[in-house]
Amino acid sequence: MDDVIFDFISKEIKSNKTVAMALITKSSGSIPAKEGSILLVFEDGSISGTVGGGVLENEVIKECKKSLRTHENNLYTYSLAADADLGAQCGGKAEIFIKIFRPKEKIIIAGGGHIGLKLYEISKTLGLHIVIIDDREEFVSKERFPQAQELICGNIYEGLKNYDINQNTYVVIVTRGHEYDEDALRAVINKNPGYIGMIGSKKKVKHTFDNLRQDGVDEEFIERVYAPIGLDINGNSPAEIALSIMTQIQFIKKGGTLNHKKDVKK
């Protein structure tokens, strides 16, 4: 059974999807499943396995879905006594550990120019799975990006439109021109990445957003886009812009505060 469970997990990870595993680590008294029982919850809400069914399993599934959003591992203790919150009648207790299995985080860099190159270098240091998309062969070559896991040369819009993107993916749009940036944004704005950022001045960003609104793109999707891209670190070189972009991604991913650590009082 364990081999089957981990085959399921491996298959999901290879498909760039996250899985929550709930494992009964300890039990006492009467509970509907034994220690070692495993339940998997997938991104689409489907499940495999069981931790006993009933109100306990319903609660565990709910916590697994929450962990799929937060990517946090957690240990829970459930009482199945009649006077406990679950209202069960078994009378036992169960400790259940929820573990998240997720694929390597991906960054898709649309545009292999100066900023894209510097962003690639930072992404290497952070151990991200790096995807470079550009329509110019010289800006998406193995010589320029030797350690990128994926190099996609061709139409940027089509490349992004056809790419499997989810919450584990961060999309950075830094192409060579405003019209290409807009095309790239159109390709991903209705998808569900963990981050979408687009370079451009406030004037150009407003023009792009107005175009999207005129074409019926929902305001909720537009508001998710970080544009102009990056945090304001008062630097304009390609390296500084790349640093501001990656800092923004980390801030969003980790729930940062933008405070100086020396000013944090604990």
C-alpha atoms as a PDB file:
ATOM      1  CA  MET A   1       0.000   0.000   0.000  1.00  0.00           C
ATOM      2  CA  ASP A   2       2.833   2.427   0.868  1.00  0.00           C
ATOM      3  CA  ASP A   3       4.327   1.933  -2.601  1.00  0.00           C
ATOM      4  CA  VAL A   4       0.991   2.813  -4.200  1.00  0.00           C
ATOM      5  CA  ILE A   5       0.656   5.935  -2.026  1.00  0.00           C
ATOM      6  CA  PHE A   6       4.087   7.217  -2.954  1.00  0.00           C
ATOM      7  CA  ASP A   7       3.486   6.384  -6.604  1.00  0.00           C
ATOM      8  CA  PHE A   8       0.476   8.710  -6.439  1.00  0.00           C
ATOM      9  CA  ILE A   9       2.583  11.432  -4.818  1.00  0.00           C
ATOM     10  CA  SER A  10       5.386  11.038  -7.338  1.00  0.00           C
ATOM     11  CA  LYS A  11       2.959  11.234 -10.260  1.00  0.00           C
ATOM     12  CA  GLU A  12       1.430  14.484  -8.953  1.00  0.00           C
ATOM     13  CA  ILE A  13       4.808  16.101  -8.322  1.00  0.00           C
ATOM     14  CA  LYS A  14       5.971  15.214 -11.826  1.00  0.00           C
ATOM     15  CA  SER A  15       2.801  16.960 -13.072  1.00  0.00           C
ATOM     16  CA  ASN A  16       3.832  20.097 -11.118  1.00  0.00           C
ATOM     17  CA  LYS A  17       1.064  19.573  -8.540  1.00  0.00           C
ATOM     18  CA  THR A  18       1.019  19.576  -4.748  1.00  0.00           C
ATOM     19  CA  VAL A  19      -0.322  16.760  -2.541  1.00  0.00           C
ATOM     20  CA  ALA A  20      -1.339  16.738   1.125  1.00  0.00           C
ATOM     21  CA  MET A  21      -0.769  13.483   3.036  1.00  0.00           C
ATOM     22  CA  ALA A  22      -2.512  12.844   6.358  1.00  0.00           C
ATOM     23  CA  LEU A  23      -0.974  10.084   8.487  1.00  0.00           C
ATOM     24  CA  ILE A  24      -2.303   8.712  11.784  1.00  0.00           C
ATOM     25  CA  THR A  25       0.875   8.761  13.886  1.00  0.00           C
ATOM     26  CA  LYS A  26      -0.645   7.815  17.258  1.00  0.00           C
ATOM     27  CA  SER A  27      -3.985   6.576  18.512  1.00  0.00           C
ATOM     28  CA  SER A  28      -5.589   5.523  21.761  1.00  0.00           C
ATOM     29  CA  GLY A  29      -8.955   4.089  22.624  1.00  0.00           C
ATOM     30  CA  SER A  30     -11.481   3.353  19.931  1.00  0.00           C
ATOM     31  CA  ILE A  31     -10.954   5.113  16.590  1.00  0.00           C
ATOM     32  CA  PRO A  32     -12.219   4.169  13.105  1.00  0.00           C
ATOM     33  CA  ALA A  33      -8.738   3.571  11.600  1.00  0.00           C
ATOM     34  CA  LYS A  34      -5.435   2.183  12.843  1.00  0.00           C
ATOM     35  CA  GLU A  35      -2.062   3.882  13.277  1.00  0.00           C
ATOM     36  CA  GLY A  36      -0.262   4.253   9.966  1.00  0.00           C
ATOM     37  CA  SER A  37      -3.445   4.840   7.974  1.00  0.00           C
ATOM     38  CA  ILE A  38      -2.909   7.375   5.201  1.00  0.00           C
ATOM     39  CA  LEU A  39      -5.169   9.758   3.317  1.00  0.00           C
ATOM     40  CA  LEU A  40      -4.066  11.801   0.297  1.00  0.00           C
ATOM     41  CA  VAL A  41      -5.809  14.989  -0.791  1.00  0.00           C
ATOM     42  CA  PHE A  42      -5.052  16.376  -4.257  1.00  0.00           C
ATOM     43  CA  GLU A  43      -5.266  19.895  -5.667  1.00  0.00           C
ATOM     44  CA  ASP A  44      -8.540  19.135  -7.466  1.00  0.00           C
ATOM     45  CA  GLY A  45     -10.144  18.073  -4.165  1.00  0.00           C
ATOM     46  CA  SER A  46     -10.127  14.342  -4.885  1.00  0.00           C
ATOM     47  CA  ILE A  47      -8.818  11.902  -2.272  1.00  0.00           C
ATOM     48  CA  SER A  48      -7.135   8.516  -2.025  1.00  0.00           C
ATOM     49  CA  GLY A  49      -6.910   6.316   1.060  1.00  0.00           C
ATOM     50  CA  THR A  50      -8.681   6.872   4.363  1.00  0.00           C
ATOM     51  CA  VAL A  51      -8.220   7.806   8.007  1.00  0.00           C
ATOM     52  CA  GLY A  52     -11.467   6.135   8.983  1.00  0.00           C
ATOM     53  CA  GLY A  53     -14.233   8.116   7.350  1.00  0.00           C
ATOM     54  CA  GLY A  54     -16.955   9.999   9.157  1.00  0.00           C
ATOM     55  CA  VAL A  55     -16.562  13.315  10.972  1.00  0.00           C
ATOM     56  CA  LEU A  56     -12.858  12.709  11.656  1.00  0.00           C
ATOM     57  CA  GLU A  57     -12.038  12.240   7.994  1.00  0.00           C
ATOM     58  CA  ASN A  58     -14.141  15.261   7.008  1.00  0.00           C
ATOM     59  CA  GLU A  59     -12.172  17.428   9.433  1.00  0.00           C
ATOM     60  CA  VAL A  60      -8.834  16.037   8.219  1.00  0.00           C
ATOM     61  CA  ILE A  61      -9.759  16.688   4.573  1.00  0.00           C
ATOM     62  CA  LYS A  62     -10.629  20.278   5.482  1.00  0.00           C
ATOM     63  CA  GLU A  63      -7.239  20.766   7.149  1.00  0.00           C
ATOM     64  CA  CYS A  64      -5.458  19.124   4.206  1.00  0.00           C
ATOM     65  CA  LYS A  65      -7.103  21.567   1.795  1.00  0.00           C
ATOM     66  CA  LYS A  66      -5.987  24.443   3.994  1.00  0.00           C
ATOM     67  CA  SER A  67      -2.424  23.084   3.997  1.00  0.00           C
ATOM     68  CA  LEU A  68      -2.517  22.818   0.204  1.00  0.00           C
ATOM     69  CA  ARG A  69      -3.049  26.590   0.153  1.00  0.00           C
ATOM     70  CA  THR A  70      -0.509  27.490   2.856  1.00  0.00           C
ATOM     71  CA  HIS A  71       2.062  24.724   2.092  1.00  0.00           C
ATOM     72  CA  GLU A  72       2.462  24.177   5.840  1.00  0.00           C
ATOM     73  CA  ASN A  73       2.966  20.837   7.613  1.00  0.00           C
ATOM     74  CA  ASN A  74       0.956  20.437  10.824  1.00  0.00           C
ATOM     75  CA  LEU A  75       0.285  17.950  13.634  1.00  0.00           C
ATOM     76  CA  TYR A  76      -3.278  17.725  14.954  1.00  0.00           C
ATOM     77  CA  THR A  77      -4.801  15.903  17.917  1.00  0.00           C
ATOM     78  CA  TYR A  78      -8.440  14.879  17.616  1.00  0.00           C
ATOM     79  CA  SER A  79     -10.693  13.670  20.403  1.00  0.00           C
ATOM     80  CA  LEU A  80     -13.540  11.391  19.388  1.00  0.00           C
ATOM     81  CA  ALA A  81     -15.323  11.618  22.724  1.00  0.00           C
ATOM     82  CA  ALA A  82     -19.005  12.468  22.663  1.00  0.00           C
ATOM     83  CA  ASP A  83     -18.423  15.763  24.457  1.00  0.00           C
ATOM     84  CA  ALA A  84     -15.582  16.875  22.132  1.00  0.00           C
ATOM     85  CA  ASP A  85     -15.868  19.326  19.231  1.00  0.00           C
ATOM     86  CA  LEU A  86     -16.255  16.629  16.583  1.00  0.00           C
ATOM     87  CA  GLY A  87     -19.249  15.109  18.342  1.00  0.00           C
ATOM     88  CA  ALA A  88     -18.131  11.551  17.583  1.00  0.00           C
ATOM     89  CA  GLN A  89     -19.058   8.557  19.709  1.00  0.00           C
ATOM     90  CA  CYS A  90     -15.914   6.419  19.403  1.00  0.00           C
ATOM     91  CA  GLY A  91     -14.265   7.731  22.563  1.00  0.00           C
ATOM     92  CA  GLY A  92     -10.680   7.527  21.328  1.00  0.00           C
ATOM     93  CA  LYS A  93      -7.962   9.996  20.388  1.00  0.00           C
ATOM     94  CA  ALA A  94      -5.867  10.313  17.244  1.00  0.00           C
ATOM     95  CA  GLU A  95      -2.757  12.274  16.351  1.00  0.00           C
ATOM     96  CA  ILE A  96      -2.642  13.033  12.645  1.00  0.00           C
ATOM     97  CA  PHE A  97       0.318  14.590  10.856  1.00  0.00           C
ATOM     98  CA  ILE A  98      -0.380  16.464   7.625  1.00  0.00           C
ATOM     99  CA  LYS A  99       2.624  16.622   5.316  1.00  0.00           C
ATOM    100  CA  ILE A 100       2.753  18.643   2.104  1.00  0.00           C
ATOM    101  CA  PHE A 101       4.581  17.266  -0.907  1.00  0.00           C
ATOM    102  CA  ARG A 102       5.204  19.863  -3.584  1.00  0.00           C
ATOM    103  CA  PRO A 103       7.294  20.053  -6.739  1.00  0.00           C
ATOM    104  CA  LYS A 104      10.317  22.290  -6.989  1.00  0.00           C
ATOM    105  CA  GLU A 105       9.236  25.908  -7.262  1.00  0.00           C
ATOM    106  CA  LYS A 106       9.392  27.267 -10.796  1.00  0.00           C
ATOM    107  CA  ILE A 107      10.179  30.700 -12.103  1.00  0.00           C
ATOM    108  CA  ILE A 108       9.192  31.465 -15.684  1.00  0.00           C
ATOM    109  CA  ILE A 109      11.174  34.385 -17.059  1.00  0.00           C
ATOM    110  CA  ALA A 110       9.544  35.777 -20.174  1.00  0.00           C
ATOM    111  CA  GLY A 111      12.409  37.652 -21.800  1.00  0.00           C
ATOM    112  CA  GLY A 112      16.053  36.609 -21.859  1.00  0.00           C
ATOM    113  CA  GLY A 113      17.545  40.122 -21.948  1.00  0.00           C
ATOM    114  CA  HIS A 114      19.677  41.907 -19.334  1.00  0.00           C
ATOM    115  CA  ILE A 115      17.142  41.736 -16.499  1.00  0.00           C
ATOM    116  CA  GLY A 116      16.164  38.174 -17.366  1.00  0.00           C
ATOM    117  CA  LEU A 117      19.805  37.123 -17.210  1.00  0.00           C
ATOM    118  CA  LYS A 118      20.348  38.673 -13.774  1.00  0.00           C
ATOM    119  CA  LEU A 119      17.109  37.168 -12.504  1.00  0.00           C
ATOM    120  CA  TYR A 120      18.282  33.787 -13.765  1.00  0.00           C
ATOM    121  CA  GLU A 121      21.483  34.147 -11.754  1.00  0.00           C
ATOM    122  CA  ILE A 122      19.586  34.910  -8.539  1.00  0.00           C
ATOM    123  CA  SER A 123      17.148  32.063  -9.229  1.00  0.00           C
ATOM    124  CA  LYS A 124      20.067  29.619  -9.524  1.00  0.00           C
ATOM    125  CA  THR A 125      21.251  30.600  -6.054  1.00  0.00           C
ATOM    126  CA  LEU A 126      17.785  29.974  -4.624  1.00  0.00           C
ATOM    127  CA  GLY A 127      17.544  26.561  -6.285  1.00  0.00           C
ATOM    128  CA  LEU A 128      14.477  27.335  -8.385  1.00  0.00           C
ATOM    129  CA  HIS A 129      13.462  25.401 -11.482  1.00  0.00           C
ATOM    130  CA  ILE A 130      14.148  27.993 -14.176  1.00  0.00           C
ATOM    131  CA  VAL A 131      12.199  28.373 -17.418  1.00  0.00           C
ATOM    132  CA  ILE A 132      13.313  30.970 -19.989  1.00  0.00           C
ATOM    133  CA  ILE A 133      10.959  31.968 -22.822  1.00  0.00           C
ATOM    134  CA  ASP A 134      11.985  34.257 -25.685  1.00  0.00           C
ATOM    135  CA  ASP A 135      11.433  34.457 -29.422  1.00  0.00           C
ATOM    136  CA  ARG A 136      15.091  35.248 -30.151  1.00  0.00           C
ATOM    137  CA  GLU A 137      17.438  32.277 -30.342  1.00  0.00           C
ATOM    138  CA  GLU A 138      20.446  34.180 -29.025  1.00  0.00           C
ATOM    139  CA  PHE A 139      18.501  35.211 -25.902  1.00  0.00           C
ATOM    140  CA  VAL A 140      17.308  31.742 -25.015  1.00  0.00           C
ATOM    141  CA  SER A 141      20.431  29.710 -25.741  1.00  0.00           C
ATOM    142  CA  LYS A 142      22.158  27.110 -23.588  1.00  0.00           C
ATOM    143  CA  GLU A 143      25.301  29.225 -23.741  1.00  0.00           C
ATOM    144  CA  ARG A 144      23.495  32.185 -22.172  1.00  0.00           C
ATOM    145  CA  PHE A 145      21.524  30.135 -19.628  1.00  0.00           C
ATOM    146  CA  PRO A 146      23.582  26.970 -19.061  1.00  0.00           C
ATOM    147  CA  GLN A 147      21.803  25.873 -15.883  1.00  0.00           C
ATOM    148  CA  ALA A 148      18.205  26.670 -16.828  1.00  0.00           C
ATOM    149  CA  GLN A 149      16.043  23.563 -16.715  1.00  0.00           C
ATOM    150  CA  GLU A 150      13.862  24.639 -19.667  1.00  0.00           C
ATOM    151  CA  LEU A 151      14.556  26.889 -22.634  1.00  0.00           C
ATOM    152  CA  ILE A 152      11.598  27.725 -24.867  1.00  0.00           C
ATOM    153  CA  CYS A 153      12.302  29.556 -28.109  1.00  0.00           C
ATOM    154  CA  GLY A 154       9.308  30.782 -30.072  1.00  0.00           C
ATOM    155  CA  ASN A 155       6.250  32.942 -29.816  1.00  0.00           C
ATOM    156  CA  ILE A 156       6.111  34.210 -26.215  1.00  0.00           C
ATOM    157  CA  TYR A 157       2.318  34.344 -26.035  1.00  0.00           C
ATOM    158  CA  GLU A 158       1.927  30.775 -27.303  1.00  0.00           C
ATOM    159  CA  GLY A 159       4.744  29.506 -25.092  1.00  0.00           C
ATOM    160  CA  LEU A 160       3.105  30.876 -21.955  1.00  0.00           C
ATOM    161  CA  LYS A 161      -0.448  29.999 -23.007  1.00  0.00           C
ATOM    162  CA  ASN A 162       0.470  26.362 -23.493  1.00  0.00           C
ATOM    163  CA  TYR A 163       2.560  26.034 -20.325  1.00  0.00           C
ATOM    164  CA  ASP A 164       1.115  24.307 -17.261  1.00  0.00           C
ATOM    165  CA  ILE A 165       1.080  27.039 -14.600  1.00  0.00           C
ATOM    166  CA  ASN A 166      -0.134  26.742 -11.007  1.00  0.00           C
ATOM    167  CA  GLN A 167       0.448  28.209  -7.539  1.00  0.00           C
ATOM    168  CA  ASN A 168       3.929  26.711  -7.480  1.00  0.00           C
ATOM    169  CA  THR A 169       4.962  28.882 -10.440  1.00  0.00           C
ATOM    170  CA  TYR A 170       6.189  32.486 -10.480  1.00  0.00           C
ATOM    171  CA  VAL A 171       5.861  34.381 -13.767  1.00  0.00           C
ATOM    172  CA  VAL A 172       8.105  37.367 -14.503  1.00  0.00           C
ATOM    173  CA  ILE A 173       7.421  39.350 -17.678  1.00  0.00           C
ATOM    174  CA  VAL A 174      10.490  41.317 -18.812  1.00  0.00           C
ATOM    175  CA  THR A 175      10.418  41.084 -22.611  1.00  0.00           C
ATOM    176  CA  ARG A 176      12.072  43.482 -25.048  1.00  0.00           C
ATOM    177  CA  GLY A 177       9.016  45.634 -25.722  1.00  0.00           C
ATOM    178  CA  HIS A 178       5.736  46.853 -24.299  1.00  0.00           C
ATOM    179  CA  GLU A 179       3.610  45.025 -26.872  1.00  0.00           C
ATOM    180  CA  TYR A 180       5.348  41.724 -26.077  1.00  0.00           C
ATOM    181  CA  ASP A 181       4.840  42.332 -22.345  1.00  0.00           C
ATOM    182  CA  GLU A 182       1.115  42.802 -22.925  1.00  0.00           C
ATOM    183  CA  ASP A 183       0.913  39.644 -25.026  1.00  0.00           C
ATOM    184  CA  ALA A 184       2.724  37.692 -22.304  1.00  0.00           C
ATOM    185  CA  LEU A 185       0.385  39.032 -19.634  1.00  0.00           C
ATOM    186  CA  ARG A 186      -2.670  38.110 -21.689  1.00  0.00           C
ATOM    187  CA  ALA A 187      -1.363  34.535 -21.899  1.00  0.00           C
ATOM    188  CA  VAL A 188      -1.141  34.049 -18.125  1.00  0.00           C
ATOM    189  CA  ILE A 189      -3.568  36.450 -16.471  1.00  0.00           C
ATOM    190  CA  ASN A 190      -6.416  33.927 -16.319  1.00  0.00           C
ATOM    191  CA  LYS A 191      -4.153  31.211 -14.922  1.00  0.00           C
ATOM    192  CA  ASN A 192      -3.338  30.712 -11.244  1.00  0.00           C
ATOM    193  CA  PRO A 193       0.387  31.320 -10.637  1.00  0.00           C
ATOM    194  CA  GLY A 194       1.797  32.168  -7.238  1.00  0.00           C
ATOM    195  CA  TYR A 195       3.031  35.458  -8.698  1.00  0.00           C
ATOM    196  CA  ILE A 196       2.693  37.510 -11.871  1.00  0.00           C
ATOM    197  CA  GLY A 197       4.919  40.543 -12.321  1.00  0.00           C
ATOM    198  CA  MET A 198       5.301  42.750 -15.402  1.00  0.00           C
ATOM    199  CA  ILE A 199       7.915  45.391 -16.072  1.00  0.00           C
ATOM    200  CA  GLY A 200       6.971  48.845 -17.351  1.00  0.00           C
ATOM    201  CA  SER A 201       6.421  52.446 -16.353  1.00  0.00           C
ATOM    202  CA  LYS A 202       3.190  53.406 -14.594  1.00  0.00           C
ATOM    203  CA  LYS A 203       1.947  54.975 -17.825  1.00  0.00           C
ATOM    204  CA  LYS A 204       2.605  51.825 -19.887  1.00  0.00           C
ATOM    205  CA  VAL A 205       1.151  49.584 -17.187  1.00  0.00           C
ATOM    206  CA  LYS A 206      -2.029  51.686 -17.075  1.00  0.00           C
ATOM    207  CA  HIS A 207      -2.305  51.466 -20.869  1.00  0.00           C
ATOM    208  CA  THR A 208      -1.985  47.680 -20.718  1.00  0.00           C
ATOM    209  CA  PHE A 209      -4.514  47.333 -17.912  1.00  0.00           C
ATOM    210  CA  ASP A 210      -6.974  49.587 -19.760  1.00  0.00           C
ATOM    211  CA  ASN A 211      -6.647  47.379 -22.837  1.00  0.00           C
ATOM    212  CA  LEU A 212      -7.356  44.286 -20.758  1.00  0.00           C
ATOM    213  CA  ARG A 213     -10.416  45.898 -19.177  1.00  0.00           C
ATOM    214  CA  GLN A 214     -11.754  46.861 -22.598  1.00  0.00           C
ATOM    215  CA  ASP A 215     -11.421  43.229 -23.633  1.00  0.00           C
ATOM    216  CA  GLY A 216     -13.441  42.075 -20.645  1.00  0.00           C
ATOM    217  CA  VAL A 217     -10.679  40.783 -18.346  1.00  0.00           C
ATOM    218  CA  ASP A 218     -12.025  40.598 -14.800  1.00  0.00           C
ATOM    219  CA  GLU A 219     -10.713  43.270 -12.427  1.00  0.00           C
ATOM    220  CA  GLU A 220      -9.852  40.581  -9.889  1.00  0.00           C
ATOM    221  CA  PHE A 221      -7.258  39.129 -12.287  1.00  0.00           C
ATOM    222  CA  ILE A 222      -5.800  42.543 -13.093  1.00  0.00           C
ATOM    223  CA  GLU A 223      -5.363  43.378  -9.412  1.00  0.00           C
ATOM    224  CA  ARG A 224      -3.243  40.256  -8.914  1.00  0.00           C
ATOM    225  CA  VAL A 225      -0.558  41.563 -11.272  1.00  0.00           C
ATOM    226  CA  TYR A 226       2.472  43.244  -9.699  1.00  0.00           C
ATOM    227  CA  ALA A 227       3.172  46.050 -12.143  1.00  0.00           C
ATOM    228  CA  PRO A 228       5.282  48.073 -12.276  1.00  0.00           C
ATOM    229  CA  ILE A 229       7.258  45.084 -11.084  1.00  0.00           C
ATOM    230  CA  GLY A 230       9.431  44.768  -7.995  1.00  0.00           C
ATOM    231  CA  LEU A 231       9.932  46.517  -4.663  1.00  0.00           C
ATOM    232  CA  ASP A 232      11.191  50.084  -4.465  1.00  0.00           C
ATOM    233  CA  ILE A 233      14.843  49.630  -3.485  1.00  0.00           C
ATOM    234  CA  ASN A 234      15.919  52.753  -5.380  1.00  0.00           C
ATOM    235  CA  GLY A 235      18.082  50.960  -7.929  1.00  0.00           C
ATOM    236  CA  ASN A 236      17.844  50.922 -11.720  1.00  0.00           C
ATOM    237  CA  SER A 237      20.580  48.606 -12.998  1.00  0.00           C
ATOM    238  CA  PRO A 238      19.537  45.179 -14.374  1.00  0.00           C
ATOM    239  CA  ALA A 239      20.997  43.484 -11.302  1.00  0.00           C
ATOM    240  CA  GLU A 240      19.173  45.833  -8.924  1.00  0.00           C
ATOM    241  CA  ILE A 241      15.883  45.438 -10.771  1.00  0.00           C
ATOM    242  CA  ALA A 242      16.281  41.648 -10.706  1.00  0.00           C
ATOM    243  CA  LEU A 243      16.990  41.798  -6.976  1.00  0.00           C
ATOM    244  CA  SER A 244      13.888  43.937  -6.382  1.00  0.00           C
ATOM    245  CA  ILE A 245      11.774  41.417  -8.338  1.00  0.00           C
ATOM    246  CA  MET A 246      13.056  38.394  -6.464  1.00  0.00           C
ATOM    247  CA  THR A 247      12.701  40.201  -3.145  1.00  0.00           C
ATOM    248  CA  GLN A 248       9.076  40.895  -4.021  1.00  0.00           C
ATOM    249  CA  ILE A 249       8.492  37.240  -4.902  1.00  0.00           C
ATOM    250  CA  GLN A 250      10.043  36.101  -1.617  1.00  0.00           C
ATOM    251  CA  PHE A 251       8.043  38.694   0.322  1.00  0.00           C
ATOM    252  CA  ILE A 252       4.771  37.430  -1.176  1.00  0.00           C
ATOM    253  CA  LYS A 253       5.702  33.762  -0.871  1.00  0.00           C
ATOM    254  CA  LYS A 254       6.899  33.962   2.744  1.00  0.00           C
ATOM    255  CA  GLY A 255       4.502  36.622   4.015  1.00  0.00           C
ATOM    256  CA  GLY A 256       7.214  39.148   4.855  1.00  0.00           C
ATOM    257  CA  THR A 257       6.718  42.433   6.684  1.00  0.00           C
ATOM    258  CA  LEU A 258       9.204  44.793   4.954  1.00  0.00           C
ATOM    259  CA  ASN A 259      10.516  45.773   8.394  1.00  0.00           C
ATOM    260  CA  HIS A 260      14.196  46.081   9.237  1.00  0.00           C
ATOM    261  CA  LYS A 261      15.034  43.160  11.516  1.00  0.00           C
ATOM    262  CA  LYS A 262      16.780  45.525  13.940  1.00  0.00           C
ATOM    263  CA  ASP A 263      13.457  47.325  14.388  1.00  0.00           C
ATOM    264  CA  VAL A 264      11.431  44.185  15.107  1.00  0.00           C
ATOM    265  CA  LYS A 265      10.755  43.962  18.824  1.00  0.00           C
ATOM    266  CA  LYS A 266      10.302  40.499  20.255  1.00  0.00           C
END
